[in-house]
């Protein structure tokens, strides 16, 4: 896990040198400056998780430094160090937003000092999470219960969702099992003008023909054995909302004709009833097979295919968008690490490369299960290849030496994204990892449209 970066600013060079030798300081990346001006110049290009600064300094004082930095970097916490006689200034700085202050020397209060440093860093982390949550209100930065992926293939999916979200048309989603078809359907609903109305999901493969028809259309009392009362169906109660029909290719033939009529007119009758009902629902359907093939085989109505295929979205399998794997793996690692109260530091580089080499026949659903299992079974401070249910070392060799499924553009884009993820999207550090100039990296980021 990347160390938190702490900037220490003090005009006393001896103090700065001794500060870095403290055992507690080894847990962090300490960057020292003898003037506030040099620290501000550093912050123009680099980041900091915490700033520790003396108050009494020549030229720019610590308080002036704090005010300048707070204007540009309001989320970075400040801890002040003050000598005797400047305590009132330190107290005033806390009132203005500084995290804490300590009087020099620190020798007799080091435990409290480092405890406060960790608290300040924790605050910084929480602020970052809050900012991320704000970003997640937009489609492209949604949480785990929505779409995760920044590859070119998933960008196309996101663009399609944005394009069709507010339109009243039927949408057909194609994708292998485990690719997230229901998540795409929910994203269409939640980002469109029906977002404040119900969303209902039905798997056409989970019900017998009679029960499925009753679920969708409803039934009248006595319509069949067990129908002891009237029941409204999903098409009726989803007025102004969305009905998601998963695995539509498995809809029984007798139901297909009824679906065709209801999609054309939005008029229907309950099972066993004669009254014609009307509802303004939207249908989003999905399947892991090609409906054209089902039509050719005589298992699916061609006219229903035309009605469903008004607007289609193709979700690529995970093996076709491998550059999304680090993002997905890291997200689900964080999620399960928190959910199971583990303190695992992260995913090792070898393990991440092994994940990239694996072919993921179960797609994202399989990756989620693999990461959950890894977090549960891991007994070290990092997830390693031995925590995977497949041969991680073999998959690492595949990633390194077998480039089938990749082209050069995809491989370069994948490696650049991994370097950016590893460096917390710090271009300078990422360029160093890649062994290229920072300017070259920025040009490639623009070329591949890599989004942070």
Protein backbone atom coordinates (compact mmCIF):
# COMPACT_ATOMS: atom_id res chain seq x y z
CA UNK A 1 0.00 0.00 0.00
CA UNK A 2 1.31 3.43 -0.87
CA UNK A 3 2.62 5.40 2.10
CA UNK A 4 0.85 8.61 3.07
CA UNK A 5 2.90 11.68 2.10
CA UNK A 6 3.62 14.20 4.85
CA UNK A 7 5.21 17.59 4.14
CA UNK A 8 7.27 18.96 7.03
CA UNK A 9 8.18 22.66 6.79
CA UNK A 10 10.65 24.25 9.22
CA UNK A 11 13.56 26.63 8.77
CA UNK A 12 15.58 24.57 11.27
CA UNK A 13 17.54 22.04 9.17
CA UNK A 14 18.65 20.06 12.21
CA UNK A 15 15.05 19.60 13.30
CA UNK A 16 14.06 18.39 9.82
CA UNK A 17 16.90 15.86 9.73
CA UNK A 18 16.08 14.48 13.18
CA UNK A 19 12.36 14.36 12.36
CA UNK A 20 12.93 11.95 9.49
CA UNK A 21 14.97 9.57 11.67
CA UNK A 22 12.16 8.93 14.14
CA UNK A 23 10.97 5.28 13.99
CA UNK A 24 7.34 6.39 13.63
CA UNK A 25 8.25 8.49 10.59
CA UNK A 26 9.31 5.39 8.65
CA UNK A 27 5.66 4.48 8.13
CA UNK A 28 5.17 7.59 5.99
CA UNK A 29 6.75 9.35 3.03
CA UNK A 30 8.33 12.41 4.63
CA UNK A 31 9.17 15.35 2.37
CA UNK A 32 10.97 18.26 4.09
CA UNK A 33 11.28 21.97 3.22
CA UNK A 34 13.13 24.81 4.88
CA UNK A 35 10.68 27.46 3.63
CA UNK A 36 6.97 27.81 3.02
CA UNK A 37 7.63 29.18 -0.47
CA UNK A 38 9.41 26.00 -1.58
CA UNK A 39 6.61 23.86 -0.12
CA UNK A 40 3.99 25.83 -2.07
CA UNK A 41 5.95 25.37 -5.30
CA UNK A 42 6.06 21.64 -4.60
CA UNK A 43 2.30 21.55 -4.08
CA UNK A 44 1.72 23.13 -7.49
CA UNK A 45 2.80 19.86 -9.11
CA UNK A 46 2.59 17.25 -6.37
CA UNK A 47 0.14 16.17 -3.67
CA UNK A 48 0.28 15.95 0.11
CA UNK A 49 -1.84 14.00 2.60
CA UNK A 50 -0.78 16.13 5.57
CA UNK A 51 1.30 19.24 6.22
CA UNK A 52 3.26 19.82 9.41
CA UNK A 53 4.65 23.34 9.65
CA UNK A 54 6.49 25.59 12.04
CA UNK A 55 4.77 28.92 12.71
CA UNK A 56 7.73 31.25 13.16
CA UNK A 57 9.67 31.27 9.87
CA UNK A 58 11.44 34.07 7.96
CA UNK A 59 9.80 35.59 4.88
CA UNK A 60 6.48 33.63 4.80
CA UNK A 61 5.20 32.64 8.24
CA UNK A 62 3.53 29.32 8.94
CA UNK A 63 0.16 31.04 9.32
CA UNK A 64 0.49 32.77 5.94
CA UNK A 65 1.54 29.44 4.45
CA UNK A 66 -1.53 27.80 5.96
CA UNK A 67 -3.88 30.42 4.52
CA UNK A 68 -2.34 30.14 1.03
CA UNK A 69 -2.38 26.36 1.04
CA UNK A 70 -5.92 26.18 2.39
CA UNK A 71 -7.19 28.31 -0.48
CA UNK A 72 -5.71 25.92 -3.05
CA UNK A 73 -5.83 22.61 -1.14
CA UNK A 74 -8.66 22.85 1.41
CA UNK A 75 -8.78 19.12 2.13
CA UNK A 76 -5.15 18.83 3.27
CA UNK A 77 -4.99 18.97 7.10
CA UNK A 78 -2.40 21.13 8.89
CA UNK A 79 -0.59 20.48 12.15
CA UNK A 80 1.42 23.42 13.52
CA UNK A 81 4.58 23.34 15.56
CA UNK A 82 5.08 26.33 17.78
CA UNK A 83 7.82 27.57 20.07
CA UNK A 84 7.17 29.28 23.37
CA UNK A 85 5.59 32.67 22.80
CA UNK A 86 3.60 31.87 19.68
CA UNK A 87 0.96 29.61 21.23
CA UNK A 88 -1.78 32.19 20.78
CA UNK A 89 -1.10 32.28 17.03
CA UNK A 90 -1.33 28.47 16.95
CA UNK A 91 -4.66 28.52 18.80
CA UNK A 92 -5.94 31.10 16.33
CA UNK A 93 -4.88 28.88 13.42
CA UNK A 94 -6.91 25.98 14.85
CA UNK A 95 -9.93 28.28 15.00
CA UNK A 96 -9.34 29.03 11.31
CA UNK A 97 -9.29 25.36 10.36
CA UNK A 98 -5.91 23.86 11.26
CA UNK A 99 -6.16 20.31 12.60
CA UNK A 100 -3.98 20.71 15.72
CA UNK A 101 -0.83 22.31 17.12
CA UNK A 102 2.07 21.16 19.31
CA UNK A 103 4.61 23.12 21.29
CA UNK A 104 8.27 22.34 20.72
CA UNK A 105 10.13 20.31 21.78
CA UNK A 106 8.15 17.17 20.95
CA UNK A 107 10.29 14.74 22.95
CA UNK A 108 7.91 14.42 25.89
CA UNK A 109 4.73 14.03 23.79
CA UNK A 110 5.76 11.95 20.79
CA UNK A 111 3.07 9.31 21.36
CA UNK A 112 0.34 11.96 21.33
CA UNK A 113 1.94 13.69 18.35
CA UNK A 114 2.01 10.58 16.15
CA UNK A 115 -1.47 9.59 17.27
CA UNK A 116 -2.66 13.03 16.13
CA UNK A 117 -0.83 12.59 12.81
CA UNK A 118 -2.73 9.36 12.20
CA UNK A 119 -6.02 11.02 13.12
CA UNK A 120 -5.33 13.85 10.66
CA UNK A 121 -4.51 11.36 7.90
CA UNK A 122 -7.69 9.46 8.67
CA UNK A 123 -9.63 12.70 8.31
CA UNK A 124 -7.92 13.29 4.95
CA UNK A 125 -8.95 9.82 3.82
CA UNK A 126 -12.57 10.34 4.90
CA UNK A 127 -12.74 13.66 3.07
CA UNK A 128 -11.47 11.90 -0.03
CA UNK A 129 -14.18 9.27 0.30
CA UNK A 130 -16.84 11.95 0.68
CA UNK A 131 -15.57 13.68 -2.44
CA UNK A 132 -15.69 10.37 -4.28
CA UNK A 133 -19.27 9.86 -3.18
CA UNK A 134 -20.14 13.27 -4.58
CA UNK A 135 -18.61 12.30 -7.90
CA UNK A 136 -20.54 9.05 -7.89
CA UNK A 137 -23.74 10.99 -8.41
CA UNK A 138 -22.72 11.14 -12.06
CA UNK A 139 -22.99 7.99 -14.13
CA UNK A 140 -19.30 7.57 -14.81
CA UNK A 141 -18.32 7.49 -11.13
CA UNK A 142 -21.10 5.39 -9.62
CA UNK A 143 -20.59 3.02 -6.69
CA UNK A 144 -20.12 -0.73 -6.75
CA UNK A 145 -23.80 -1.32 -7.20
CA UNK A 146 -23.52 0.23 -10.62
CA UNK A 147 -21.01 0.26 -13.43
CA UNK A 148 -17.26 0.09 -12.85
CA UNK A 149 -15.00 0.42 -15.86
CA UNK A 150 -13.11 3.01 -17.88
CA UNK A 151 -12.02 0.92 -20.85
CA UNK A 152 -12.94 1.99 -24.36
CA UNK A 153 -15.52 -0.80 -24.50
CA UNK A 154 -17.23 0.28 -21.28
CA UNK A 155 -17.10 3.91 -22.33
CA UNK A 156 -19.24 2.91 -25.29
CA UNK A 157 -21.71 1.21 -22.94
CA UNK A 158 -21.85 4.32 -20.76
CA UNK A 159 -22.40 6.53 -23.78
CA UNK A 160 -25.25 4.28 -24.90
CA UNK A 161 -26.86 4.48 -21.47
CA UNK A 162 -26.66 8.27 -21.50
CA UNK A 163 -28.07 8.37 -25.02
CA UNK A 164 -31.13 6.23 -24.31
CA UNK A 165 -31.85 6.91 -20.61
CA UNK A 166 -34.52 9.57 -21.19
CA UNK A 167 -36.07 8.00 -24.28
CA UNK A 168 -39.26 5.88 -23.94
CA UNK A 169 -37.94 3.12 -26.21
CA UNK A 170 -37.44 -0.56 -25.42
CA UNK A 171 -33.79 -1.47 -24.84
CA UNK A 172 -32.22 -4.87 -25.52
CA UNK A 173 -29.01 -5.70 -23.63
CA UNK A 174 -26.72 -8.48 -24.84
CA UNK A 175 -23.93 -9.94 -22.74
CA UNK A 176 -22.47 -13.12 -21.32
CA UNK A 177 -23.57 -14.37 -17.91
CA UNK A 178 -21.97 -12.31 -15.15
CA UNK A 179 -21.17 -9.22 -17.24
CA UNK A 180 -23.64 -7.00 -15.35
CA UNK A 181 -26.69 -6.78 -17.60
CA UNK A 182 -29.00 -5.92 -14.71
CA UNK A 183 -26.61 -3.18 -13.56
CA UNK A 184 -26.81 -1.60 -17.01
CA UNK A 185 -30.60 -1.86 -16.94
CA UNK A 186 -30.71 -0.18 -13.52
CA UNK A 187 -28.33 2.54 -14.74
CA UNK A 188 -30.69 3.26 -17.65
CA UNK A 189 -33.56 3.58 -15.19
CA UNK A 190 -31.73 5.52 -12.49
CA UNK A 191 -30.17 8.09 -14.81
CA UNK A 192 -33.29 8.67 -16.90
CA UNK A 193 -36.49 10.59 -16.30
CA UNK A 194 -38.06 7.54 -14.60
CA UNK A 195 -35.46 7.49 -11.81
CA UNK A 196 -38.01 8.26 -9.08
CA UNK A 197 -40.35 5.44 -10.11
CA UNK A 198 -40.23 1.67 -9.46
CA UNK A 199 -37.75 -0.71 -11.10
CA UNK A 200 -38.72 -4.39 -11.20
CA UNK A 201 -36.47 -7.24 -12.35
CA UNK A 202 -37.79 -10.62 -13.48
CA UNK A 203 -35.70 -13.56 -14.65
CA UNK A 204 -37.72 -15.37 -17.31
CA UNK A 205 -35.80 -18.56 -16.57
CA UNK A 206 -36.81 -18.78 -12.92
CA UNK A 207 -40.57 -19.22 -13.24
CA UNK A 208 -42.86 -21.75 -14.85
CA UNK A 209 -44.83 -20.33 -17.83
CA UNK A 210 -48.04 -19.87 -15.83
CA UNK A 211 -46.35 -18.22 -12.84
CA UNK A 212 -44.30 -15.93 -15.09
CA UNK A 213 -47.43 -14.77 -16.91
CA UNK A 214 -49.15 -14.08 -13.58
CA UNK A 215 -46.11 -12.14 -12.32
CA UNK A 216 -46.14 -9.89 -15.37
CA UNK A 217 -49.84 -9.48 -16.12
CA UNK A 218 -51.45 -10.21 -12.77
CA UNK A 219 -54.49 -12.44 -12.28
CA UNK A 220 -58.09 -12.37 -11.14
CA UNK A 221 -59.48 -14.38 -8.25
CA UNK A 222 -60.10 -17.97 -9.32
CA UNK A 223 -58.06 -17.69 -12.53
CA UNK A 224 -56.20 -20.89 -11.57
CA UNK A 225 -55.78 -23.18 -8.61
CA UNK A 226 -54.34 -21.15 -5.77
CA UNK A 227 -55.52 -17.78 -7.10
CA UNK A 228 -57.46 -16.91 -3.94
CA UNK A 229 -57.61 -13.20 -4.74
CA UNK A 230 -56.87 -10.56 -7.33
CA UNK A 231 -53.20 -9.79 -7.92
CA UNK A 232 -51.76 -6.88 -9.86
CA UNK A 233 -48.90 -7.76 -12.21
CA UNK A 234 -45.62 -5.93 -12.70
CA UNK A 235 -46.77 -4.23 -15.91
CA UNK A 236 -49.61 -2.68 -13.92
CA UNK A 237 -47.75 -1.60 -10.80
CA UNK A 238 -44.72 -0.38 -12.79
CA UNK A 239 -46.70 2.53 -14.23
CA UNK A 240 -44.15 5.23 -15.21
CA UNK A 241 -41.40 2.83 -14.11
CA UNK A 242 -39.25 0.11 -15.65
CA UNK A 243 -39.65 -3.66 -16.00
CA UNK A 244 -36.42 -5.54 -16.61
CA UNK A 245 -36.92 -8.90 -18.34
CA UNK A 246 -33.72 -10.88 -17.86
CA UNK A 247 -32.98 -13.93 -20.02
CA UNK A 248 -35.83 -12.97 -22.36
CA UNK A 249 -34.71 -15.71 -24.77
CA UNK A 250 -36.16 -18.24 -22.31
CA UNK A 251 -39.66 -16.74 -22.36
CA UNK A 252 -42.11 -19.55 -23.26
CA UNK A 253 -43.72 -19.37 -26.73
CA UNK A 254 -47.24 -18.74 -25.39
CA UNK A 255 -45.97 -15.75 -23.43
CA UNK A 256 -44.02 -14.30 -26.35
CA UNK A 257 -47.17 -13.41 -28.30
CA UNK A 258 -48.63 -11.64 -25.26
CA UNK A 259 -45.38 -9.74 -24.76
CA UNK A 260 -45.49 -8.59 -28.36
CA UNK A 261 -49.00 -7.17 -27.94
CA UNK A 262 -48.26 -5.43 -24.67
CA UNK A 263 -45.06 -3.86 -26.05
CA UNK A 264 -46.95 -2.55 -29.08
CA UNK A 265 -49.95 -1.07 -27.25
CA UNK A 266 -49.14 -1.07 -23.51
CA UNK A 267 -52.64 -2.54 -23.10
CA UNK A 268 -53.18 -5.92 -21.42
CA UNK A 269 -55.54 -7.98 -19.29
CA UNK A 270 -54.94 -9.89 -16.09
CA UNK A 271 -54.91 -13.68 -16.31
CA UNK A 272 -58.53 -14.80 -16.04
CA UNK A 273 -59.82 -11.26 -16.59
CA UNK A 274 -61.53 -9.45 -19.45
CA UNK A 275 -60.98 -5.81 -18.55
CA UNK A 276 -58.36 -4.02 -20.65
CA UNK A 277 -55.75 -2.23 -18.56
CA UNK A 278 -53.21 0.36 -19.64
CA UNK A 279 -49.86 1.28 -18.11
CA UNK A 280 -46.97 3.52 -19.11
CA UNK A 281 -44.08 1.20 -18.26
CA UNK A 282 -40.75 0.83 -19.97
CA UNK A 283 -39.25 -2.54 -20.84
CA UNK A 284 -35.52 -3.26 -20.75
CA UNK A 285 -34.69 -6.84 -21.72
CA UNK A 286 -31.49 -8.86 -21.64
CA UNK A 287 -30.10 -12.20 -22.75
CA UNK A 288 -26.80 -14.07 -22.89
CA UNK A 289 -27.64 -15.58 -26.29
CA UNK A 290 -28.26 -14.04 -29.70
CA UNK A 291 -31.98 -13.65 -30.35
CA UNK A 292 -31.32 -13.94 -34.07
CA UNK A 293 -29.99 -17.46 -33.43
CA UNK A 294 -33.06 -18.26 -31.32
CA UNK A 295 -35.30 -17.07 -34.17
CA UNK A 296 -33.40 -19.26 -36.67
CA UNK A 297 -33.80 -22.24 -34.34
CA UNK A 298 -37.56 -21.57 -34.11
CA UNK A 299 -37.53 -20.82 -30.40
CA UNK A 300 -38.21 -17.09 -30.58
CA UNK A 301 -40.68 -14.96 -32.51
CA UNK A 302 -39.11 -12.78 -35.17
CA UNK A 303 -41.68 -10.01 -34.73
CA UNK A 304 -40.93 -9.90 -30.99
CA UNK A 305 -37.22 -9.70 -31.82
CA UNK A 306 -37.88 -6.61 -33.94
CA UNK A 307 -39.93 -5.03 -31.16
CA UNK A 308 -37.20 -5.66 -28.57
CA UNK A 309 -34.27 -4.66 -30.76
CA UNK A 310 -35.28 -1.01 -31.05
CA UNK A 311 -32.09 -0.01 -29.23
CA UNK A 312 -29.35 -2.52 -28.37
CA UNK A 313 -26.43 -2.38 -25.95
CA UNK A 314 -23.58 -4.91 -26.08
CA UNK A 315 -21.70 -5.54 -22.83
CA UNK A 316 -18.23 -6.96 -23.52
CA UNK A 317 -16.96 -9.95 -21.53
CA UNK A 318 -14.33 -9.12 -18.94
CA UNK A 319 -11.59 -10.81 -20.99
CA UNK A 320 -12.20 -8.18 -23.68
CA UNK A 321 -11.66 -5.26 -21.30
CA UNK A 322 -8.76 -6.37 -19.15
CA UNK A 323 -7.64 -2.84 -18.39
CA UNK A 324 -10.72 -2.58 -16.15
CA UNK A 325 -9.57 -5.51 -14.00
CA UNK A 326 -7.32 -3.48 -11.61
CA UNK A 327 -10.13 -1.00 -11.01
CA UNK A 328 -12.69 -3.74 -10.36
CA UNK A 329 -10.33 -5.81 -8.21
CA UNK A 330 -9.31 -2.83 -6.10
CA UNK A 331 -12.89 -1.73 -5.60
CA UNK A 332 -14.15 -5.12 -4.47
CA UNK A 333 -11.06 -5.66 -2.34
CA UNK A 334 -11.82 -2.40 -0.51
CA UNK A 335 -15.47 -3.33 -0.18
CA UNK A 336 -14.89 -6.79 1.35
CA UNK A 337 -11.90 -5.67 3.42
CA UNK A 338 -14.23 -3.19 5.10
CA UNK A 339 -17.26 -5.47 5.26
CA UNK A 340 -15.35 -8.29 6.98
CA UNK A 341 -13.35 -5.95 9.25
CA UNK A 342 -10.02 -7.10 7.84
CA UNK A 343 -6.85 -5.01 7.86
CA UNK A 344 -5.25 -6.30 4.66
CA UNK A 345 -3.06 -3.60 3.14
CA UNK A 346 -3.75 -4.27 -0.52
CA UNK A 347 -3.23 -6.49 -3.56
CA UNK A 348 0.34 -7.37 -4.49
CA UNK A 349 1.61 -6.45 -7.94
CA UNK A 350 2.08 -10.13 -8.83
CA UNK A 351 -1.48 -10.87 -7.75
CA UNK A 352 -2.85 -7.98 -9.79
CA UNK A 353 -0.95 -9.14 -12.85
CA UNK A 354 -2.28 -12.67 -12.31
CA UNK A 355 -5.81 -11.32 -12.21
CA UNK A 356 -5.11 -9.61 -15.53
CA UNK A 357 -3.83 -12.85 -17.05
CA UNK A 358 -6.86 -14.91 -16.04
CA UNK A 359 -9.58 -15.35 -18.69
CA UNK A 360 -12.63 -14.85 -16.38
CA UNK A 361 -15.21 -17.24 -17.87
CA UNK A 362 -17.64 -16.06 -15.19
CA UNK A 363 -16.90 -12.40 -15.96
CA UNK A 364 -17.35 -9.70 -13.30
CA UNK A 365 -19.50 -11.96 -11.12
CA UNK A 366 -16.60 -14.41 -10.89
CA UNK A 367 -14.13 -11.63 -10.11
CA UNK A 368 -16.35 -10.44 -7.26
CA UNK A 369 -16.44 -13.98 -5.82
CA UNK A 370 -12.67 -14.37 -6.19
CA UNK A 371 -11.97 -11.10 -4.37
CA UNK A 372 -14.42 -11.94 -1.58
CA UNK A 373 -12.80 -15.35 -1.09
CA UNK A 374 -9.31 -13.82 -1.17
CA UNK A 375 -10.16 -11.30 1.54
CA UNK A 376 -11.67 -14.04 3.71
CA UNK A 377 -8.79 -16.52 3.34
CA UNK A 378 -5.80 -14.13 3.23
CA UNK A 379 -3.53 -14.58 6.25
CA UNK A 380 -0.84 -12.09 5.27
CA UNK A 381 -0.80 -8.32 4.96
CA UNK A 382 -1.28 -8.44 1.17
CA UNK A 383 -3.44 -10.42 -1.22
CA UNK A 384 -1.09 -12.75 -3.15
CA UNK A 385 -1.49 -15.28 -5.96
CA UNK A 386 -1.94 -18.12 -3.47
CA UNK A 387 -5.21 -16.54 -2.29
CA UNK A 388 -6.87 -17.22 -5.66
CA UNK A 389 -8.82 -20.41 -6.50
CA UNK A 390 -6.95 -20.65 -9.82
CA UNK A 391 -3.20 -21.00 -10.42
CA UNK A 392 -2.24 -17.33 -10.07
CA UNK A 393 1.41 -17.88 -10.96
CA UNK A 394 0.44 -19.63 -14.19
CA UNK A 395 -1.90 -16.78 -15.06
CA UNK A 396 0.94 -14.34 -14.36
CA UNK A 397 3.04 -16.17 -16.96
CA UNK A 398 0.14 -16.01 -19.41
CA UNK A 399 -0.12 -12.26 -18.89
CA UNK A 400 3.58 -11.76 -19.38
CA UNK A 401 4.22 -14.00 -22.37
CA UNK A 402 0.98 -14.87 -24.11
CA UNK A 403 -0.39 -11.72 -25.71
CA UNK A 404 -3.38 -13.37 -27.42
CA UNK A 405 -6.43 -11.25 -26.82
CA UNK A 406 -4.32 -8.09 -26.64
CA UNK A 407 -3.16 -5.72 -29.28
CA UNK A 408 -0.31 -3.30 -28.68
CA UNK A 409 -2.63 -0.38 -28.07
CA UNK A 410 -4.62 -2.30 -25.44
CA UNK A 411 -1.46 -3.52 -23.69
CA UNK A 412 0.07 -0.05 -23.56
CA UNK A 413 -3.17 1.47 -22.30
CA UNK A 414 -3.47 -1.28 -19.67
CA UNK A 415 0.08 -0.80 -18.38
CA UNK A 416 -0.31 2.99 -18.26
CA UNK A 417 -3.50 2.67 -16.23
CA UNK A 418 -1.83 0.25 -13.81
CA UNK A 419 1.03 2.70 -13.30
CA UNK A 420 -1.43 5.53 -12.71
CA UNK A 421 -3.43 3.44 -10.23
CA UNK A 422 -0.24 2.48 -8.38
CA UNK A 423 0.87 6.11 -8.16
CA UNK A 424 -2.57 7.45 -7.16
CA UNK A 425 -2.74 9.18 -10.56
CA UNK A 426 0.37 11.22 -9.87
CA UNK A 427 1.75 11.75 -13.38
CA UNK A 428 5.33 12.31 -12.24
CA UNK A 429 5.46 9.08 -10.23
CA UNK A 430 3.64 7.11 -12.92
CA UNK A 431 6.12 8.31 -15.55
CA UNK A 432 9.00 7.20 -13.31
CA UNK A 433 7.43 3.75 -12.93
CA UNK A 434 7.02 3.47 -16.69
CA UNK A 435 10.49 4.84 -17.43
CA UNK A 436 9.21 7.56 -19.72
CA UNK A 437 9.11 11.35 -19.61
CA UNK A 438 6.20 13.00 -17.83
CA UNK A 439 5.34 14.89 -21.03
CA UNK A 440 5.19 11.60 -22.97
CA UNK A 441 2.91 10.09 -20.35
CA UNK A 442 0.52 13.06 -20.50
CA UNK A 443 0.39 12.76 -24.28
CA UNK A 444 -0.49 9.07 -24.01
CA UNK A 445 -3.14 9.76 -21.36
CA UNK A 446 -4.75 12.21 -23.78
CA UNK A 447 -4.35 9.79 -26.69
CA UNK A 448 -6.05 6.93 -24.87
CA UNK A 449 -8.55 9.22 -23.09
CA UNK A 450 -7.67 7.71 -19.71
CA UNK A 451 -9.97 9.28 -17.11
CA UNK A 452 -9.15 9.56 -13.40
